[in-house]
Amino acid sequence: RSGVQPNTITFNAAVSACEKGAEWEKSLHMFSLMQHGKIELDAMTTSAVLSACEKGREWGRALQFLSIVTGSRVDLDPTAFNAAIGACEKSNRWEHALHLVNVMGKTK
């Protein structure tokens, strides 16, 4: 079967659409599909998933996701950390937000 194969760019578009629609569950599902399809993540993917979690006030999911991608080859940019910090802030989890600020300072 021939056709267009999904890649990082197409998945980023889908994850970004989920983020804009505040569909955090679907954005995490897209991430899962990327992992299973061995499709490379990039900074845009991580930022969009974390922003979707922020909009959904899903601080626990944001921290879980951040933990998963921290061990990968993806460079986490300030946008990703800011979204995770925002998810903690919106859920009154200031201790976790402060921890992320500390972790962010130690990340290249």
N, C-alpha and C. Protein backbone atom coordinates (compact mmCIF):
# COMPACT_ATOMS: atom_id res chain seq x y z
N ARG A 1 0.84 -1.18 0.00
CA ARG A 1 0.00 0.00 0.00
C ARG A 1 0.88 1.24 0.00
N SER A 2 0.66 2.10 -0.95
CA SER A 2 1.48 3.31 -1.02
C SER A 2 0.67 4.50 -0.52
N GLY A 3 1.35 5.56 -0.30
CA GLY A 3 0.69 6.77 0.18
C GLY A 3 1.65 7.56 1.04
N VAL A 4 1.13 8.60 1.59
CA VAL A 4 1.93 9.46 2.46
C VAL A 4 2.06 8.79 3.83
N GLN A 5 3.28 8.65 4.28
CA GLN A 5 3.55 8.07 5.59
C GLN A 5 3.66 9.19 6.62
N PRO A 6 3.04 9.01 7.78
CA PRO A 6 3.15 10.06 8.80
C PRO A 6 4.59 10.20 9.27
N ASN A 7 4.97 11.42 9.58
CA ASN A 7 6.30 11.69 10.08
C ASN A 7 6.20 12.71 11.21
N THR A 8 7.31 13.20 11.66
CA THR A 8 7.32 14.16 12.76
C THR A 8 6.48 15.38 12.42
N ILE A 9 6.58 15.88 11.21
CA ILE A 9 5.85 17.09 10.82
C ILE A 9 4.34 16.86 10.85
N THR A 10 3.88 15.73 10.31
CA THR A 10 2.43 15.48 10.31
C THR A 10 1.91 15.24 11.73
N PHE A 11 2.69 14.53 12.53
CA PHE A 11 2.26 14.33 13.92
C PHE A 11 2.28 15.64 14.70
N ASN A 12 3.27 16.49 14.46
CA ASN A 12 3.30 17.78 15.14
C ASN A 12 2.06 18.61 14.80
N ALA A 13 1.62 18.54 13.56
CA ALA A 13 0.41 19.27 13.17
C ALA A 13 -0.80 18.73 13.93
N ALA A 14 -0.89 17.41 14.06
CA ALA A 14 -2.00 16.80 14.78
C ALA A 14 -1.95 17.12 16.27
N VAL A 15 -0.76 17.02 16.86
CA VAL A 15 -0.60 17.33 18.29
C VAL A 15 -0.91 18.80 18.54
N SER A 16 -0.47 19.66 17.65
CA SER A 16 -0.74 21.09 17.78
C SER A 16 -2.23 21.39 17.70
N ALA A 17 -2.93 20.70 16.81
CA ALA A 17 -4.38 20.88 16.70
C ALA A 17 -5.07 20.42 18.00
N CYS A 18 -4.59 19.32 18.56
CA CYS A 18 -5.14 18.85 19.84
C CYS A 18 -4.89 19.88 20.94
N GLU A 19 -3.70 20.43 20.95
CA GLU A 19 -3.35 21.44 21.96
C GLU A 19 -4.25 22.66 21.84
N LYS A 20 -4.45 23.14 20.63
CA LYS A 20 -5.30 24.32 20.43
C LYS A 20 -6.74 24.05 20.82
N GLY A 21 -7.18 22.80 20.69
CA GLY A 21 -8.53 22.43 21.07
C GLY A 21 -8.64 21.97 22.52
N ALA A 22 -7.56 22.12 23.29
CA ALA A 22 -7.51 21.72 24.70
C ALA A 22 -7.85 20.23 24.87
N GLU A 23 -7.40 19.43 23.92
CA GLU A 23 -7.64 17.98 23.95
C GLU A 23 -6.38 17.27 24.44
N TRP A 24 -6.10 17.41 25.72
CA TRP A 24 -4.87 16.86 26.28
C TRP A 24 -4.79 15.34 26.12
N GLU A 25 -5.93 14.66 26.28
CA GLU A 25 -5.92 13.19 26.15
C GLU A 25 -5.51 12.78 24.73
N LYS A 26 -6.04 13.49 23.75
CA LYS A 26 -5.72 13.16 22.36
C LYS A 26 -4.27 13.51 22.03
N SER A 27 -3.76 14.57 22.63
CA SER A 27 -2.35 14.92 22.37
C SER A 27 -1.43 13.84 22.95
N LEU A 28 -1.77 13.32 24.12
CA LEU A 28 -0.97 12.24 24.70
C LEU A 28 -1.11 10.96 23.87
N HIS A 29 -2.29 10.75 23.30
CA HIS A 29 -2.49 9.59 22.43
C HIS A 29 -1.61 9.72 21.17
N MET A 30 -1.54 10.92 20.61
CA MET A 30 -0.67 11.15 19.44
C MET A 30 0.78 10.85 19.80
N PHE A 31 1.19 11.28 20.99
CA PHE A 31 2.55 11.01 21.46
C PHE A 31 2.78 9.50 21.54
N SER A 32 1.81 8.78 22.07
CA SER A 32 1.91 7.32 22.17
C SER A 32 2.04 6.69 20.78
N LEU A 33 1.27 7.17 19.83
CA LEU A 33 1.37 6.66 18.46
C LEU A 33 2.75 6.93 17.87
N MET A 34 3.29 8.10 18.20
CA MET A 34 4.64 8.43 17.72
C MET A 34 5.67 7.46 18.28
N GLN A 35 5.55 7.16 19.57
CA GLN A 35 6.48 6.22 20.19
C GLN A 35 6.39 4.85 19.54
N HIS A 36 5.17 4.37 19.37
CA HIS A 36 4.98 3.04 18.79
C HIS A 36 5.41 2.98 17.33
N GLY A 37 5.28 4.08 16.63
CA GLY A 37 5.69 4.13 15.23
C GLY A 37 7.14 4.52 15.05
N LYS A 38 7.84 4.68 16.17
CA LYS A 38 9.25 5.09 16.15
C LYS A 38 9.47 6.38 15.36
N ILE A 39 8.53 7.30 15.54
CA ILE A 39 8.62 8.60 14.89
C ILE A 39 9.29 9.56 15.87
N GLU A 40 10.29 10.25 15.38
CA GLU A 40 11.11 11.11 16.22
C GLU A 40 10.31 12.29 16.79
N LEU A 41 10.50 12.53 18.08
CA LEU A 41 9.92 13.70 18.74
C LEU A 41 10.85 14.88 18.55
N ASP A 42 10.30 16.07 18.63
CA ASP A 42 11.14 17.25 18.64
C ASP A 42 10.59 18.25 19.66
N ALA A 43 11.21 19.40 19.75
CA ALA A 43 10.80 20.40 20.73
C ALA A 43 9.36 20.85 20.51
N MET A 44 8.92 20.90 19.26
CA MET A 44 7.55 21.32 18.96
C MET A 44 6.54 20.30 19.52
N THR A 45 6.86 19.02 19.37
CA THR A 45 5.99 17.97 19.89
C THR A 45 5.83 18.11 21.40
N THR A 46 6.96 18.19 22.09
CA THR A 46 6.91 18.25 23.55
C THR A 46 6.19 19.50 24.04
N SER A 47 6.45 20.62 23.42
CA SER A 47 5.80 21.86 23.84
C SER A 47 4.29 21.80 23.63
N ALA A 48 3.86 21.24 22.51
CA ALA A 48 2.43 21.16 22.22
C ALA A 48 1.72 20.21 23.19
N VAL A 49 2.33 19.06 23.48
CA VAL A 49 1.72 18.12 24.44
C VAL A 49 1.63 18.76 25.82
N LEU A 50 2.71 19.41 26.25
CA LEU A 50 2.71 20.04 27.57
C LEU A 50 1.73 21.21 27.62
N SER A 51 1.59 21.95 26.55
CA SER A 51 0.61 23.06 26.51
C SER A 51 -0.81 22.52 26.60
N ALA A 52 -1.07 21.38 25.95
CA ALA A 52 -2.40 20.76 26.04
C ALA A 52 -2.68 20.34 27.47
N CYS A 53 -1.68 19.77 28.15
CA CYS A 53 -1.84 19.39 29.56
C CYS A 53 -2.07 20.63 30.43
N GLU A 54 -1.37 21.71 30.11
CA GLU A 54 -1.55 22.95 30.86
C GLU A 54 -2.99 23.44 30.72
N LYS A 55 -3.50 23.47 29.50
CA LYS A 55 -4.86 23.94 29.26
C LYS A 55 -5.89 23.07 29.97
N GLY A 56 -5.58 21.78 30.08
CA GLY A 56 -6.49 20.85 30.75
C GLY A 56 -6.26 20.77 32.25
N ARG A 57 -5.33 21.57 32.77
CA ARG A 57 -4.98 21.56 34.19
C ARG A 57 -4.53 20.17 34.64
N GLU A 58 -3.86 19.50 33.75
CA GLU A 58 -3.39 18.14 34.01
C GLU A 58 -1.92 18.17 34.42
N TRP A 59 -1.65 18.72 35.59
CA TRP A 59 -0.27 18.88 36.04
C TRP A 59 0.43 17.53 36.20
N GLY A 60 -0.28 16.52 36.70
CA GLY A 60 0.33 15.21 36.88
C GLY A 60 0.73 14.58 35.56
N ARG A 61 -0.14 14.72 34.57
CA ARG A 61 0.18 14.18 33.24
C ARG A 61 1.35 14.95 32.63
N ALA A 62 1.36 16.26 32.85
CA ALA A 62 2.46 17.07 32.33
C ALA A 62 3.80 16.61 32.92
N LEU A 63 3.82 16.39 34.23
CA LEU A 63 5.06 15.95 34.87
C LEU A 63 5.45 14.55 34.42
N GLN A 64 4.47 13.68 34.24
CA GLN A 64 4.73 12.33 33.75
C GLN A 64 5.35 12.38 32.35
N PHE A 65 4.73 13.17 31.50
CA PHE A 65 5.23 13.31 30.12
C PHE A 65 6.64 13.89 30.13
N LEU A 66 6.84 14.92 30.93
CA LEU A 66 8.16 15.56 31.01
C LEU A 66 9.21 14.55 31.46
N SER A 67 8.85 13.71 32.40
CA SER A 67 9.76 12.68 32.89
C SER A 67 10.14 11.71 31.77
N ILE A 68 9.17 11.34 30.95
CA ILE A 68 9.42 10.41 29.84
C ILE A 68 10.36 11.04 28.82
N VAL A 69 10.08 12.26 28.43
CA VAL A 69 10.88 12.87 27.35
C VAL A 69 12.24 13.37 27.84
N THR A 70 12.38 13.56 29.14
CA THR A 70 13.67 14.01 29.66
C THR A 70 14.75 12.97 29.39
N GLY A 71 14.37 11.70 29.40
CA GLY A 71 15.34 10.64 29.13
C GLY A 71 15.58 10.40 27.65
N SER A 72 14.89 11.12 26.80
CA SER A 72 15.05 10.93 25.36
C SER A 72 16.09 11.90 24.81
N ARG A 73 16.23 11.88 23.50
CA ARG A 73 17.21 12.77 22.86
C ARG A 73 16.63 14.14 22.54
N VAL A 74 15.41 14.39 22.95
CA VAL A 74 14.77 15.67 22.64
C VAL A 74 15.32 16.76 23.54
N ASP A 75 15.70 17.87 22.93
CA ASP A 75 16.11 19.04 23.70
C ASP A 75 14.85 19.76 24.18
N LEU A 76 14.74 19.89 25.49
CA LEU A 76 13.59 20.60 26.04
C LEU A 76 13.91 22.09 26.06
N ASP A 77 13.02 22.87 25.47
CA ASP A 77 13.23 24.30 25.42
C ASP A 77 12.41 24.99 26.52
N PRO A 78 12.64 26.27 26.74
CA PRO A 78 11.90 26.98 27.78
C PRO A 78 10.38 26.92 27.59
N THR A 79 9.91 26.85 26.36
CA THR A 79 8.46 26.78 26.11
C THR A 79 7.87 25.53 26.75
N ALA A 80 8.57 24.41 26.62
CA ALA A 80 8.09 23.15 27.21
C ALA A 80 8.03 23.26 28.73
N PHE A 81 9.11 23.75 29.33
CA PHE A 81 9.12 23.91 30.79
C PHE A 81 8.05 24.90 31.25
N ASN A 82 7.89 25.99 30.51
CA ASN A 82 6.89 26.99 30.89
C ASN A 82 5.48 26.39 30.89
N ALA A 83 5.19 25.54 29.92
CA ALA A 83 3.87 24.90 29.86
C ALA A 83 3.68 23.97 31.06
N ALA A 84 4.71 23.19 31.39
CA ALA A 84 4.62 22.28 32.54
C ALA A 84 4.48 23.09 33.84
N ILE A 85 5.23 24.16 33.96
CA ILE A 85 5.12 25.03 35.14
C ILE A 85 3.72 25.63 35.20
N GLY A 86 3.18 26.05 34.05
CA GLY A 86 1.83 26.61 33.99
C GLY A 86 0.78 25.60 34.42
N ALA A 87 0.96 24.34 34.04
CA ALA A 87 0.01 23.30 34.45
C ALA A 87 0.03 23.15 35.97
N CYS A 88 1.21 23.20 36.56
CA CYS A 88 1.32 23.12 38.02
C CYS A 88 0.69 24.35 38.68
N GLU A 89 0.96 25.50 38.12
CA GLU A 89 0.43 26.76 38.67
C GLU A 89 -1.09 26.78 38.65
N LYS A 90 -1.68 26.34 37.55
CA LYS A 90 -3.14 26.35 37.42
C LYS A 90 -3.82 25.37 38.36
N SER A 91 -3.05 24.42 38.87
CA SER A 91 -3.59 23.42 39.79
C SER A 91 -3.10 23.64 41.23
N ASN A 92 -2.55 24.82 41.46
CA ASN A 92 -2.04 25.19 42.79
C ASN A 92 -0.99 24.21 43.32
N ARG A 93 -0.15 23.77 42.44
CA ARG A 93 0.94 22.85 42.80
C ARG A 93 2.26 23.61 42.74
N TRP A 94 2.38 24.64 43.55
CA TRP A 94 3.53 25.54 43.49
C TRP A 94 4.84 24.82 43.80
N GLU A 95 4.79 23.77 44.67
CA GLU A 95 6.02 23.05 45.00
C GLU A 95 6.61 22.40 43.75
N HIS A 96 5.72 21.82 42.95
CA HIS A 96 6.17 21.18 41.71
C HIS A 96 6.67 22.23 40.71
N ALA A 97 6.00 23.36 40.67
CA ALA A 97 6.43 24.44 39.77
C ALA A 97 7.84 24.91 40.13
N LEU A 98 8.09 25.09 41.43
CA LEU A 98 9.42 25.51 41.86
C LEU A 98 10.48 24.45 41.54
N HIS A 99 10.10 23.20 41.70
CA HIS A 99 11.03 22.11 41.36
C HIS A 99 11.39 22.17 39.87
N LEU A 100 10.39 22.41 39.03
CA LEU A 100 10.65 22.49 37.58
C LEU A 100 11.57 23.66 37.24
N VAL A 101 11.41 24.77 37.94
CA VAL A 101 12.30 25.91 37.70
C VAL A 101 13.73 25.50 38.02
N ASN A 102 13.91 24.75 39.11
CA ASN A 102 15.23 24.27 39.50
C ASN A 102 15.79 23.30 38.46
N VAL A 103 14.95 22.37 38.00
CA VAL A 103 15.38 21.40 36.98
C VAL A 103 15.72 22.12 35.67
N MET A 104 14.92 23.10 35.34
CA MET A 104 15.13 23.85 34.10
C MET A 104 16.51 24.51 34.11
N GLY A 105 16.92 25.01 35.26
CA GLY A 105 18.22 25.66 35.37
C GLY A 105 19.39 24.71 35.20
N LYS A 106 19.14 23.41 35.41
CA LYS A 106 20.21 22.40 35.30
C LYS A 106 20.21 21.71 33.94
N THR A 107 19.21 22.00 33.10
CA THR A 107 19.11 21.37 31.79
C THR A 107 19.83 22.22 30.75
N LYS A 108 20.54 21.54 29.85
CA LYS A 108 21.25 22.28 28.81
C LYS A 108 20.27 22.84 27.80
